PDB file of N, CA and C in Angstrom:
ATOM      1  N   UNK A   1       0.816  56.952  42.992  1.00  0.00           N
ATOM      2  CA  UNK A   1       0.301  55.860  42.184  1.00  0.00           C
ATOM      3  C   UNK A   1       1.486  55.191  41.495  1.00  0.00           C
ATOM      4  N   UNK A   2       1.481  53.874  41.512  1.00  0.00           N
ATOM      5  CA  UNK A   2       2.527  53.099  40.844  1.00  0.00           C
ATOM      6  C   UNK A   2       1.880  52.247  39.763  1.00  0.00           C
ATOM      7  N   UNK A   3       2.581  52.016  38.665  1.00  0.00           N
ATOM      8  CA  UNK A   3       2.066  51.140  37.619  1.00  0.00           C
ATOM      9  C   UNK A   3       3.134  50.147  37.203  1.00  0.00           C
ATOM     10  N   UNK A   4       2.669  48.935  36.825  1.00  0.00           N
ATOM     11  CA  UNK A   4       3.560  47.866  36.384  1.00  0.00           C
ATOM     12  C   UNK A   4       2.725  46.852  35.615  1.00  0.00           C
ATOM     13  N   UNK A   5       3.162  46.554  34.394  1.00  0.00           N
ATOM     14  CA  UNK A   5       2.486  45.584  33.527  1.00  0.00           C
ATOM     15  C   UNK A   5       0.989  45.863  33.391  1.00  0.00           C
ATOM     16  N   UNK A   6       0.633  47.134  33.359  1.00  0.00           N
ATOM     17  CA  UNK A   6      -0.759  47.520  33.185  1.00  0.00           C
ATOM     18  C   UNK A   6      -1.566  47.570  34.469  1.00  0.00           C
ATOM     19  N   UNK A   7      -0.965  47.213  35.588  1.00  0.00           N
ATOM     20  CA  UNK A   7      -1.651  47.246  36.877  1.00  0.00           C
ATOM     21  C   UNK A   7      -1.237  48.504  37.634  1.00  0.00           C
ATOM     22  N   UNK A   8      -2.186  49.111  38.339  1.00  0.00           N
ATOM     23  CA  UNK A   8      -1.916  50.305  39.134  1.00  0.00           C
ATOM     24  C   UNK A   8      -2.109  49.988  40.601  1.00  0.00           C
ATOM     25  N   UNK A   9      -1.329  50.656  41.417  1.00  0.00           N
ATOM     26  CA  UNK A   9      -1.418  50.417  42.857  1.00  0.00           C
ATOM     27  C   UNK A   9      -1.415  51.730  43.611  1.00  0.00           C
ATOM     28  N   UNK A  10      -2.095  51.711  44.714  1.00  0.00           N
ATOM     29  CA  UNK A  10      -2.104  52.840  45.639  1.00  0.00           C
ATOM     30  C   UNK A  10      -1.203  52.454  46.813  1.00  0.00           C
ATOM     31  N   UNK A  11      -0.303  53.349  47.181  1.00  0.00           N
ATOM     32  CA  UNK A  11       0.633  53.097  48.273  1.00  0.00           C
ATOM     33  C   UNK A  11       0.403  54.123  49.369  1.00  0.00           C
ATOM     34  N   UNK A  12       0.428  53.663  50.615  1.00  0.00           N
ATOM     35  CA  UNK A  12       0.287  54.540  51.772  1.00  0.00           C
ATOM     36  C   UNK A  12       1.419  54.243  52.741  1.00  0.00           C
ATOM     37  N   UNK A  13       1.599  55.125  53.701  1.00  0.00           N
ATOM     38  CA  UNK A  13       2.637  54.950  54.711  1.00  0.00           C
ATOM     39  C   UNK A  13       1.983  54.850  56.074  1.00  0.00           C
ATOM     40  N   UNK A  14       2.342  53.816  56.830  1.00  0.00           N
ATOM     41  CA  UNK A  14       1.852  53.637  58.195  1.00  0.00           C
ATOM     42  C   UNK A  14       2.928  54.172  59.132  1.00  0.00           C
ATOM     43  N   UNK A  15       2.679  55.358  59.725  1.00  0.00           N
ATOM     44  CA  UNK A  15       3.716  55.957  60.563  1.00  0.00           C
ATOM     45  C   UNK A  15       3.820  55.308  61.937  1.00  0.00           C
ATOM     46  N   UNK A  16       2.855  54.479  62.315  1.00  0.00           N
ATOM     47  CA  UNK A  16       2.979  53.721  63.567  1.00  0.00           C
ATOM     48  C   UNK A  16       3.982  52.583  63.398  1.00  0.00           C
ATOM     49  N   UNK A  17       3.838  51.843  62.295  1.00  0.00           N
ATOM     50  CA  UNK A  17       4.731  50.713  62.036  1.00  0.00           C
ATOM     51  C   UNK A  17       5.925  51.086  61.163  1.00  0.00           C
ATOM     52  N   UNK A  18       5.934  52.337  60.683  1.00  0.00           N
ATOM     53  CA  UNK A  18       7.028  52.825  59.841  1.00  0.00           C
ATOM     54  C   UNK A  18       7.244  51.925  58.621  1.00  0.00           C
ATOM     55  N   UNK A  19       6.136  51.676  57.899  1.00  0.00           N
ATOM     56  CA  UNK A  19       6.202  50.800  56.727  1.00  0.00           C
ATOM     57  C   UNK A  19       5.258  51.312  55.642  1.00  0.00           C
ATOM     58  N   UNK A  20       5.668  51.127  54.398  1.00  0.00           N
ATOM     59  CA  UNK A  20       4.798  51.402  53.265  1.00  0.00           C
ATOM     60  C   UNK A  20       3.967  50.157  53.000  1.00  0.00           C
ATOM     61  N   UNK A  21       2.703  50.361  52.613  1.00  0.00           N
ATOM     62  CA  UNK A  21       1.869  49.228  52.211  1.00  0.00           C
ATOM     63  C   UNK A  21       1.037  49.660  51.018  1.00  0.00           C
ATOM     64  N   UNK A  22       0.744  48.700  50.166  1.00  0.00           N
ATOM     65  CA  UNK A  22       0.002  49.044  48.959  1.00  0.00           C
ATOM     66  C   UNK A  22      -0.935  47.947  48.530  1.00  0.00           C
ATOM     67  N   UNK A  23      -1.810  48.314  47.602  1.00  0.00           N
ATOM     68  CA  UNK A  23      -2.769  47.372  47.037  1.00  0.00           C
ATOM     69  C   UNK A  23      -3.016  47.741  45.585  1.00  0.00           C
ATOM     70  N   UNK A  24      -3.083  46.709  44.744  1.00  0.00           N
ATOM     71  CA  UNK A  24      -3.422  46.918  43.339  1.00  0.00           C
ATOM     72  C   UNK A  24      -4.881  47.341  43.285  1.00  0.00           C
ATOM     73  N   UNK A  25      -5.179  48.354  42.489  1.00  0.00           N
ATOM     74  CA  UNK A  25      -6.547  48.861  42.386  1.00  0.00           C
ATOM     75  C   UNK A  25      -7.097  48.597  40.988  1.00  0.00           C
ATOM     76  N   UNK A  26      -8.408  48.618  40.876  1.00  0.00           N
ATOM     77  CA  UNK A  26      -9.062  48.483  39.576  1.00  0.00           C
ATOM     78  C   UNK A  26      -9.320  47.052  39.150  1.00  0.00           C
ATOM     79  N   UNK A  27      -9.085  46.085  40.056  1.00  0.00           N
ATOM     80  CA  UNK A  27      -9.389  44.681  39.742  1.00  0.00           C
ATOM     81  C   UNK A  27     -10.155  44.079  40.918  1.00  0.00           C
ATOM     82  N   UNK A  28     -10.831  42.952  40.660  1.00  0.00           N
ATOM     83  CA  UNK A  28     -11.597  42.290  41.725  1.00  0.00           C
ATOM     84  C   UNK A  28     -10.689  41.504  42.662  1.00  0.00           C
ATOM     85  N   UNK A  29      -9.630  40.888  42.129  1.00  0.00           N
ATOM     86  CA  UNK A  29      -8.715  40.118  42.960  1.00  0.00           C
ATOM     87  C   UNK A  29      -7.940  41.056  43.882  1.00  0.00           C
ATOM     88  N   UNK A  30      -7.460  40.514  44.996  1.00  0.00           N
ATOM     89  CA  UNK A  30      -6.732  41.322  45.970  1.00  0.00           C
ATOM     90  C   UNK A  30      -5.238  41.022  45.853  1.00  0.00           C
ATOM     91  N   UNK A  31      -4.470  42.054  45.559  1.00  0.00           N
ATOM     92  CA  UNK A  31      -3.012  41.949  45.482  1.00  0.00           C
ATOM     93  C   UNK A  31      -2.452  43.035  46.391  1.00  0.00           C
ATOM     94  N   UNK A  32      -1.768  42.619  47.455  1.00  0.00           N
ATOM     95  CA  UNK A  32      -1.196  43.570  48.406  1.00  0.00           C
ATOM     96  C   UNK A  32       0.316  43.370  48.491  1.00  0.00           C
ATOM     97  N   UNK A  33       0.985  44.353  49.074  1.00  0.00           N
ATOM     98  CA  UNK A  33       2.436  44.286  49.216  1.00  0.00           C
ATOM     99  C   UNK A  33       2.871  45.326  50.229  1.00  0.00           C
ATOM    100  N   UNK A  34       4.100  45.186  50.734  1.00  0.00           N
ATOM    101  CA  UNK A  34       4.621  46.160  51.691  1.00  0.00           C
ATOM    102  C   UNK A  34       6.133  46.223  51.608  1.00  0.00           C
ATOM    103  N   UNK A  35       6.690  47.301  52.142  1.00  0.00           N
ATOM    104  CA  UNK A  35       8.131  47.477  52.157  1.00  0.00           C
ATOM    105  C   UNK A  35       8.517  48.627  53.063  1.00  0.00           C
ATOM    106  N   UNK A  36       9.786  48.656  53.438  1.00  0.00           N
ATOM    107  CA  UNK A  36      10.268  49.682  54.361  1.00  0.00           C
ATOM    108  C   UNK A  36      10.884  50.892  53.666  1.00  0.00           C
ATOM    109  N   UNK A  37      11.088  50.803  52.355  1.00  0.00           N
ATOM    110  CA  UNK A  37      11.663  51.930  51.611  1.00  0.00           C
ATOM    111  C   UNK A  37      10.977  52.020  50.251  1.00  0.00           C
ATOM    112  N   UNK A  38      11.265  53.088  49.534  1.00  0.00           N
ATOM    113  CA  UNK A  38      10.682  53.257  48.209  1.00  0.00           C
ATOM    114  C   UNK A  38      11.129  52.117  47.303  1.00  0.00           C
ATOM    115  N   UNK A  39      12.415  51.771  47.351  1.00  0.00           N
ATOM    116  CA  UNK A  39      12.914  50.658  46.525  1.00  0.00           C
ATOM    117  C   UNK A  39      12.227  49.345  46.898  1.00  0.00           C
ATOM    118  N   UNK A  40      12.076  49.104  48.197  1.00  0.00           N
ATOM    119  CA  UNK A  40      11.432  47.860  48.653  1.00  0.00           C
ATOM    120  C   UNK A  40       9.976  47.785  48.227  1.00  0.00           C
ATOM    121  N   UNK A  41       9.252  48.894  48.351  1.00  0.00           N
ATOM    122  CA  UNK A  41       7.826  48.869  48.005  1.00  0.00           C
ATOM    123  C   UNK A  41       7.655  48.679  46.502  1.00  0.00           C
ATOM    124  N   UNK A  42       8.533  49.276  45.717  1.00  0.00           N
ATOM    125  CA  UNK A  42       8.457  49.093  44.271  1.00  0.00           C
ATOM    126  C   UNK A  42       8.747  47.642  43.898  1.00  0.00           C
ATOM    127  N   UNK A  43       9.781  47.057  44.496  1.00  0.00           N
ATOM    128  CA  UNK A  43      10.111  45.650  44.220  1.00  0.00           C
ATOM    129  C   UNK A  43       8.986  44.728  44.687  1.00  0.00           C
ATOM    130  N   UNK A  44       8.430  45.008  45.854  1.00  0.00           N
ATOM    131  CA  UNK A  44       7.341  44.179  46.376  1.00  0.00           C
ATOM    132  C   UNK A  44       6.123  44.253  45.463  1.00  0.00           C
ATOM    133  N   UNK A  45       5.836  45.441  44.939  1.00  0.00           N
ATOM    134  CA  UNK A  45       4.724  45.607  43.999  1.00  0.00           C
ATOM    135  C   UNK A  45       4.965  44.765  42.753  1.00  0.00           C
ATOM    136  N   UNK A  46       6.141  44.898  42.161  1.00  0.00           N
ATOM    137  CA  UNK A  46       6.467  44.120  40.956  1.00  0.00           C
ATOM    138  C   UNK A  46       6.399  42.624  41.241  1.00  0.00           C
ATOM    139  N   UNK A  47       6.973  42.189  42.366  1.00  0.00           N
ATOM    140  CA  UNK A  47       6.955  40.770  42.727  1.00  0.00           C
ATOM    141  C   UNK A  47       5.528  40.262  42.924  1.00  0.00           C
ATOM    142  N   UNK A  48       4.688  41.071  43.563  1.00  0.00           N
ATOM    143  CA  UNK A  48       3.298  40.657  43.817  1.00  0.00           C
ATOM    144  C   UNK A  48       2.519  40.508  42.518  1.00  0.00           C
ATOM    145  N   UNK A  49       2.704  41.438  41.585  1.00  0.00           N
ATOM    146  CA  UNK A  49       2.027  41.343  40.290  1.00  0.00           C
ATOM    147  C   UNK A  49       2.539  40.121  39.537  1.00  0.00           C
ATOM    148  N   UNK A  50       3.853  39.919  39.519  1.00  0.00           N
ATOM    149  CA  UNK A  50       4.427  38.754  38.838  1.00  0.00           C
ATOM    150  C   UNK A  50       3.924  37.453  39.457  1.00  0.00           C
ATOM    151  N   UNK A  51       3.878  37.385  40.797  1.00  0.00           N
ATOM    152  CA  UNK A  51       3.361  36.190  41.479  1.00  0.00           C
ATOM    153  C   UNK A  51       1.905  35.938  41.107  1.00  0.00           C
ATOM    154  N   UNK A  52       1.115  36.997  41.061  1.00  0.00           N
ATOM    155  CA  UNK A  52      -0.298  36.883  40.696  1.00  0.00           C
ATOM    156  C   UNK A  52      -0.445  36.328  39.275  1.00  0.00           C
ATOM    157  N   UNK A  53       0.323  36.891  38.349  1.00  0.00           N
ATOM    158  CA  UNK A  53       0.251  36.428  36.957  1.00  0.00           C
ATOM    159  C   UNK A  53       0.720  34.979  36.830  1.00  0.00           C
ATOM    160  N   UNK A  54       1.780  34.611  37.572  1.00  0.00           N
ATOM    161  CA  UNK A  54       2.266  33.215  37.559  1.00  0.00           C
ATOM    162  C   UNK A  54       1.211  32.272  38.132  1.00  0.00           C
ATOM    163  N   UNK A  55       0.573  32.679  39.233  1.00  0.00           N
ATOM    164  CA  UNK A  55      -0.460  31.851  39.854  1.00  0.00           C
ATOM    165  C   UNK A  55      -1.623  31.635  38.889  1.00  0.00           C
ATOM    166  N   UNK A  56      -2.044  32.685  38.216  1.00  0.00           N
ATOM    167  CA  UNK A  56      -3.140  32.560  37.245  1.00  0.00           C
ATOM    168  C   UNK A  56      -2.741  31.616  36.115  1.00  0.00           C
ATOM    169  N   UNK A  57      -1.509  31.724  35.665  1.00  0.00           N
ATOM    170  CA  UNK A  57      -1.019  30.861  34.586  1.00  0.00           C
ATOM    171  C   UNK A  57      -1.015  29.400  35.032  1.00  0.00           C
ATOM    172  N   UNK A  58      -0.531  29.137  36.256  1.00  0.00           N
ATOM    173  CA  UNK A  58      -0.501  27.772  36.795  1.00  0.00           C
ATOM    174  C   UNK A  58      -1.907  27.189  36.903  1.00  0.00           C
ATOM    175  N   UNK A  59      -2.854  28.015  37.294  1.00  0.00           N
ATOM    176  CA  UNK A  59      -4.246  27.563  37.455  1.00  0.00           C
ATOM    177  C   UNK A  59      -5.016  27.562  36.137  1.00  0.00           C
ATOM    178  N   UNK A  60      -4.356  28.034  35.081  1.00  0.00           N
ATOM    179  CA  UNK A  60      -4.987  28.157  33.761  1.00  0.00           C
ATOM    180  C   UNK A  60      -6.223  29.047  33.822  1.00  0.00           C
ATOM    181  N   UNK A  61      -6.078  30.142  34.586  1.00  0.00           N
ATOM    182  CA  UNK A  61      -7.136  31.141  34.718  1.00  0.00           C
ATOM    183  C   UNK A  61      -6.664  32.445  34.075  1.00  0.00           C
ATOM    184  N   UNK A  62      -7.602  33.193  33.541  1.00  0.00           N
ATOM    185  CA  UNK A  62      -7.280  34.508  33.008  1.00  0.00           C
ATOM    186  C   UNK A  62      -7.109  35.476  34.176  1.00  0.00           C
ATOM    187  N   UNK A  63      -5.997  36.207  34.226  1.00  0.00           N
ATOM    188  CA  UNK A  63      -5.859  37.204  35.301  1.00  0.00           C
ATOM    189  C   UNK A  63      -6.861  38.337  35.107  1.00  0.00           C
ATOM    190  N   UNK A  64      -7.318  38.856  36.218  1.00  0.00           N
ATOM    191  CA  UNK A  64      -8.220  40.007  36.157  1.00  0.00           C
ATOM    192  C   UNK A  64      -7.425  41.178  35.608  1.00  0.00           C
ATOM    193  N   UNK A  65      -7.984  41.863  34.658  1.00  0.00           N
ATOM    194  CA  UNK A  65      -7.321  43.007  34.029  1.00  0.00           C
ATOM    195  C   UNK A  65      -7.976  44.295  34.519  1.00  0.00           C
ATOM    196  N   UNK A  66      -7.175  45.328  34.712  1.00  0.00           N
ATOM    197  CA  UNK A  66      -7.752  46.611  35.113  1.00  0.00           C
ATOM    198  C   UNK A  66      -8.661  47.167  34.014  1.00  0.00           C
ATOM    199  N   UNK A  67      -9.672  47.890  34.421  1.00  0.00           N
ATOM    200  CA  UNK A  67     -10.540  48.549  33.462  1.00  0.00           C
ATOM    201  C   UNK A  67      -9.782  49.702  32.823  1.00  0.00           C
ATOM    202  N   UNK A  68      -9.994  49.902  31.542  1.00  0.00           N
ATOM    203  CA  UNK A  68      -9.297  50.971  30.821  1.00  0.00           C
ATOM    204  C   UNK A  68      -9.964  52.326  31.025  1.00  0.00           C
ATOM    205  N   UNK A  69     -11.228  52.307  31.424  1.00  0.00           N
ATOM    206  CA  UNK A  69     -11.964  53.559  31.538  1.00  0.00           C
ATOM    207  C   UNK A  69     -12.626  53.954  30.229  1.00  0.00           C
ATOM    208  N   UNK A  70     -12.535  53.070  29.255  1.00  0.00           N
ATOM    209  CA  UNK A  70     -13.135  53.350  27.948  1.00  0.00           C
ATOM    210  C   UNK A  70     -14.122  52.236  27.616  1.00  0.00           C
ATOM    211  N   UNK A  71     -15.274  52.635  27.083  1.00  0.00           N
ATOM    212  CA  UNK A  71     -16.241  51.655  26.600  1.00  0.00           C
ATOM    213  C   UNK A  71     -17.111  52.295  25.534  1.00  0.00           C
ATOM    214  N   UNK A  72     -17.596  51.471  24.643  1.00  0.00           N
ATOM    215  CA  UNK A  72     -18.420  51.939  23.534  1.00  0.00           C
ATOM    216  C   UNK A  72     -19.884  51.779  23.910  1.00  0.00           C
ATOM    217  N   UNK A  73     -20.649  52.812  23.691  1.00  0.00           N
ATOM    218  CA  UNK A  73     -22.086  52.767  23.962  1.00  0.00           C
ATOM    219  C   UNK A  73     -22.815  53.147  22.678  1.00  0.00           C
ATOM    220  N   UNK A  74     -23.746  52.316  22.280  1.00  0.00           N
ATOM    221  CA  UNK A  74     -24.548  52.617  21.094  1.00  0.00           C
ATOM    222  C   UNK A  74     -25.919  53.115  21.556  1.00  0.00           C
ATOM    223  N   UNK A  75     -26.330  54.250  21.018  1.00  0.00           N
ATOM    224  CA  UNK A  75     -27.630  54.832  21.356  1.00  0.00           C
ATOM    225  C   UNK A  75     -28.328  55.217  20.056  1.00  0.00           C
ATOM    226  N   UNK A  76     -29.605  55.481  20.177  1.00  0.00           N
ATOM    227  CA  UNK A  76     -30.357  55.907  18.998  1.00  0.00           C
ATOM    228  C   UNK A  76     -29.909  57.314  18.591  1.00  0.00           C
ATOM    229  N   UNK A  77     -30.109  57.673  17.337  1.00  0.00           N
ATOM    230  CA  UNK A  77     -29.756  59.037  16.905  1.00  0.00           C
ATOM    231  C   UNK A  77     -30.471  60.114  17.735  1.00  0.00           C
ATOM    232  N   UNK A  78     -31.699  59.843  18.140  1.00  0.00           N
ATOM    233  CA  UNK A  78     -32.445  60.818  18.940  1.00  0.00           C
ATOM    234  C   UNK A  78     -31.772  61.029  20.304  1.00  0.00           C
ATOM    235  N   UNK A  79     -31.372  59.950  20.964  1.00  0.00           N
ATOM    236  CA  UNK A  79     -30.680  60.063  22.257  1.00  0.00           C
ATOM    237  C   UNK A  79     -29.336  60.765  22.063  1.00  0.00           C
ATOM    238  N   UNK A  80     -28.637  60.437  20.993  1.00  0.00           N
ATOM    239  CA  UNK A  80     -27.358  61.076  20.702  1.00  0.00           C
ATOM    240  C   UNK A  80     -27.538  62.587  20.590  1.00  0.00           C
ATOM    241  N   UNK A  81     -28.574  63.001  19.877  1.00  0.00           N
ATOM    242  CA  UNK A  81     -28.869  64.429  19.708  1.00  0.00           C
ATOM    243  C   UNK A  81     -29.176  65.069  21.071  1.00  0.00           C
ATOM    244  N   UNK A  82     -29.975  64.400  21.899  1.00  0.00           N
ATOM    245  CA  UNK A  82     -30.328  64.944  23.217  1.00  0.00           C
ATOM    246  C   UNK A  82     -29.095  65.066  24.108  1.00  0.00           C
ATOM    247  N   UNK A  83     -28.212  64.080  24.048  1.00  0.00           N
ATOM    248  CA  UNK A  83     -26.973  64.145  24.824  1.00  0.00           C
ATOM    249  C   UNK A  83     -26.123  65.317  24.348  1.00  0.00           C
ATOM    250  N   UNK A  84     -26.001  65.454  23.044  1.00  0.00           N
ATOM    251  CA  UNK A  84     -25.228  66.551  22.469  1.00  0.00           C
ATOM    252  C   UNK A  84     -25.782  67.905  22.928  1.00  0.00           C
ATOM    253  N   UNK A  85     -27.086  68.063  22.856  1.00  0.00           N
ATOM    254  CA  UNK A  85     -27.706  69.332  23.240  1.00  0.00           C
ATOM    255  C   UNK A  85     -27.549  69.593  24.741  1.00  0.00           C
ATOM    256  N   UNK A  86     -27.706  68.560  25.548  1.00  0.00           N
ATOM    257  CA  UNK A  86     -27.547  68.727  26.997  1.00  0.00           C
ATOM    258  C   UNK A  86     -26.120  69.120  27.346  1.00  0.00           C
ATOM    259  N   UNK A  87     -25.172  68.482  26.690  1.00  0.00           N
ATOM    260  CA  UNK A  87     -23.763  68.807  26.932  1.00  0.00           C
ATOM    261  C   UNK A  87     -23.469  70.241  26.502  1.00  0.00           C
ATOM    262  N   UNK A  88     -23.983  70.616  25.349  1.00  0.00           N
ATOM    263  CA  UNK A  88     -23.761  71.975  24.831  1.00  0.00           C
ATOM    264  C   UNK A  88     -24.347  73.015  25.790  1.00  0.00           C
ATOM    265  N   UNK A  89     -25.567  72.765  26.288  1.00  0.00           N
ATOM    266  CA  UNK A  89     -26.200  73.687  27.232  1.00  0.00           C
ATOM    267  C   UNK A  89     -25.383  73.819  28.515  1.00  0.00           C
ATOM    268  N   UNK A  90     -24.740  72.722  28.924  1.00  0.00           N
ATOM    269  CA  UNK A  90     -23.932  72.737  30.143  1.00  0.00           C
ATOM    270  C   UNK A  90     -22.529  73.291  29.900  1.00  0.00           C
ATOM    271  N   UNK A  91     -22.218  73.569  28.626  1.00  0.00           N
ATOM    272  CA  UNK A  91     -20.893  74.080  28.298  1.00  0.00           C
ATOM    273  C   UNK A  91     -19.806  73.026  28.399  1.00  0.00           C
ATOM    274  N   UNK A  92     -20.193  71.765  28.171  1.00  0.00           N
ATOM    275  CA  UNK A  92     -19.260  70.644  28.302  1.00  0.00           C
ATOM    276  C   UNK A  92     -19.184  69.856  27.006  1.00  0.00           C
ATOM    277  N   UNK A  93     -18.101  69.099  26.859  1.00  0.00           N
ATOM    278  CA  UNK A  93     -18.039  68.139  25.761  1.00  0.00           C
ATOM    279  C   UNK A  93     -18.979  66.980  26.108  1.00  0.00           C
ATOM    280  N   UNK A  94     -19.319  66.183  25.127  1.00  0.00           N
ATOM    281  CA  UNK A  94     -20.158  65.011  25.398  1.00  0.00           C
ATOM    282  C   UNK A  94     -19.478  64.116  26.430  1.00  0.00           C
ATOM    283  N   UNK A  95     -18.168  63.902  26.273  1.00  0.00           N
ATOM    284  CA  UNK A  95     -17.436  63.042  27.200  1.00  0.00           C
ATOM    285  C   UNK A  95     -17.502  63.583  28.629  1.00  0.00           C
ATOM    286  N   UNK A  96     -17.245  64.873  28.812  1.00  0.00           N
ATOM    287  CA  UNK A  96     -17.287  65.477  30.141  1.00  0.00           C
ATOM    288  C   UNK A  96     -18.705  65.425  30.720  1.00  0.00           C
ATOM    289  N   UNK A  97     -19.710  65.676  29.890  1.00  0.00           N
ATOM    290  CA  UNK A  97     -21.094  65.640  30.347  1.00  0.00           C
ATOM    291  C   UNK A  97     -21.475  64.230  30.790  1.00  0.00           C
ATOM    292  N   UNK A  98     -21.094  63.223  29.989  1.00  0.00           N
ATOM    293  CA  UNK A  98     -21.382  61.838  30.353  1.00  0.00           C
ATOM    294  C   UNK A  98     -20.666  61.445  31.642  1.00  0.00           C
ATOM    295  N   UNK A  99     -19.399  61.833  31.772  1.00  0.00           N
ATOM    296  CA  UNK A  99     -18.663  61.530  33.000  1.00  0.00           C
ATOM    297  C   UNK A  99     -19.355  62.121  34.216  1.00  0.00           C
ATOM    298  N   UNK A 100     -19.751  63.374  34.106  1.00  0.00           N
ATOM    299  CA  UNK A 100     -20.411  64.048  35.218  1.00  0.00           C
ATOM    300  C   UNK A 100     -21.698  63.313  35.594  1.00  0.00           C
ATOM    301  N   UNK A 101     -22.498  62.981  34.609  1.00  0.00           N
ATOM    302  CA  UNK A 101     -23.770  62.331  34.889  1.00  0.00           C
ATOM    303  C   UNK A 101     -23.602  60.891  35.351  1.00  0.00           C
ATOM    304  N   UNK A 102     -22.632  60.188  34.822  1.00  0.00           N
ATOM    305  CA  UNK A 102     -22.382  58.816  35.275  1.00  0.00           C
ATOM    306  C   UNK A 102     -21.894  58.796  36.717  1.00  0.00           C
ATOM    307  N   UNK A 103     -21.063  59.780  37.086  1.00  0.00           N
ATOM    308  CA  UNK A 103     -20.624  59.889  38.477  1.00  0.00           C
ATOM    309  C   UNK A 103     -21.822  60.093  39.400  1.00  0.00           C
ATOM    310  N   UNK A 104     -22.735  60.961  39.001  1.00  0.00           N
ATOM    311  CA  UNK A 104     -23.927  61.223  39.801  1.00  0.00           C
ATOM    312  C   UNK A 104     -24.803  59.985  39.906  1.00  0.00           C
ATOM    313  N   UNK A 105     -24.975  59.280  38.800  1.00  0.00           N
ATOM    314  CA  UNK A 105     -25.822  58.080  38.786  1.00  0.00           C
ATOM    315  C   UNK A 105     -25.260  56.928  39.606  1.00  0.00           C
ATOM    316  N   UNK A 106     -23.940  56.844  39.677  1.00  0.00           N
ATOM    317  CA  UNK A 106     -23.320  55.742  40.409  1.00  0.00           C
ATOM    318  C   UNK A 106     -22.983  56.116  41.856  1.00  0.00           C
ATOM    319  N   UNK A 107     -23.346  57.319  42.234  1.00  0.00           N
ATOM    320  CA  UNK A 107     -23.124  57.742  43.630  1.00  0.00           C
ATOM    321  C   UNK A 107     -21.706  58.168  43.914  1.00  0.00           C
ATOM    322  N   UNK A 108     -20.932  58.464  42.887  1.00  0.00           N
ATOM    323  CA  UNK A 108     -19.544  58.917  43.064  1.00  0.00           C
ATOM    324  C   UNK A 108     -19.520  60.427  42.894  1.00  0.00           C
ATOM    325  N   UNK A 109     -18.642  61.078  43.643  1.00  0.00           N
ATOM    326  CA  UNK A 109     -18.515  62.530  43.512  1.00  0.00           C
ATOM    327  C   UNK A 109     -17.166  62.908  42.981  1.00  0.00           C
TER     328      UNK A 109
END
């Protein structure tokens, strides 16, 4: 995993073409890059993110920002108590219990 200016990318190696290729993850827009060495792929990643940010600035559009993984949820005191008790019964923190259940609800494992 590579990170630059708050953006993260996944990099893979294509052994048929002998090239690294990557894509920024966690945003709706598509930002890709490639290179033949670790230095090249890192530079290509940085250049691609910079180009994306420049393009958004030229178009006067807000760039898509990666999700932080944090969000605030307000629930009733009764639901809060039920979540707490369910987490305690499962031997988990509220955060871990919510993560587990949200993964199940969204079809992620």
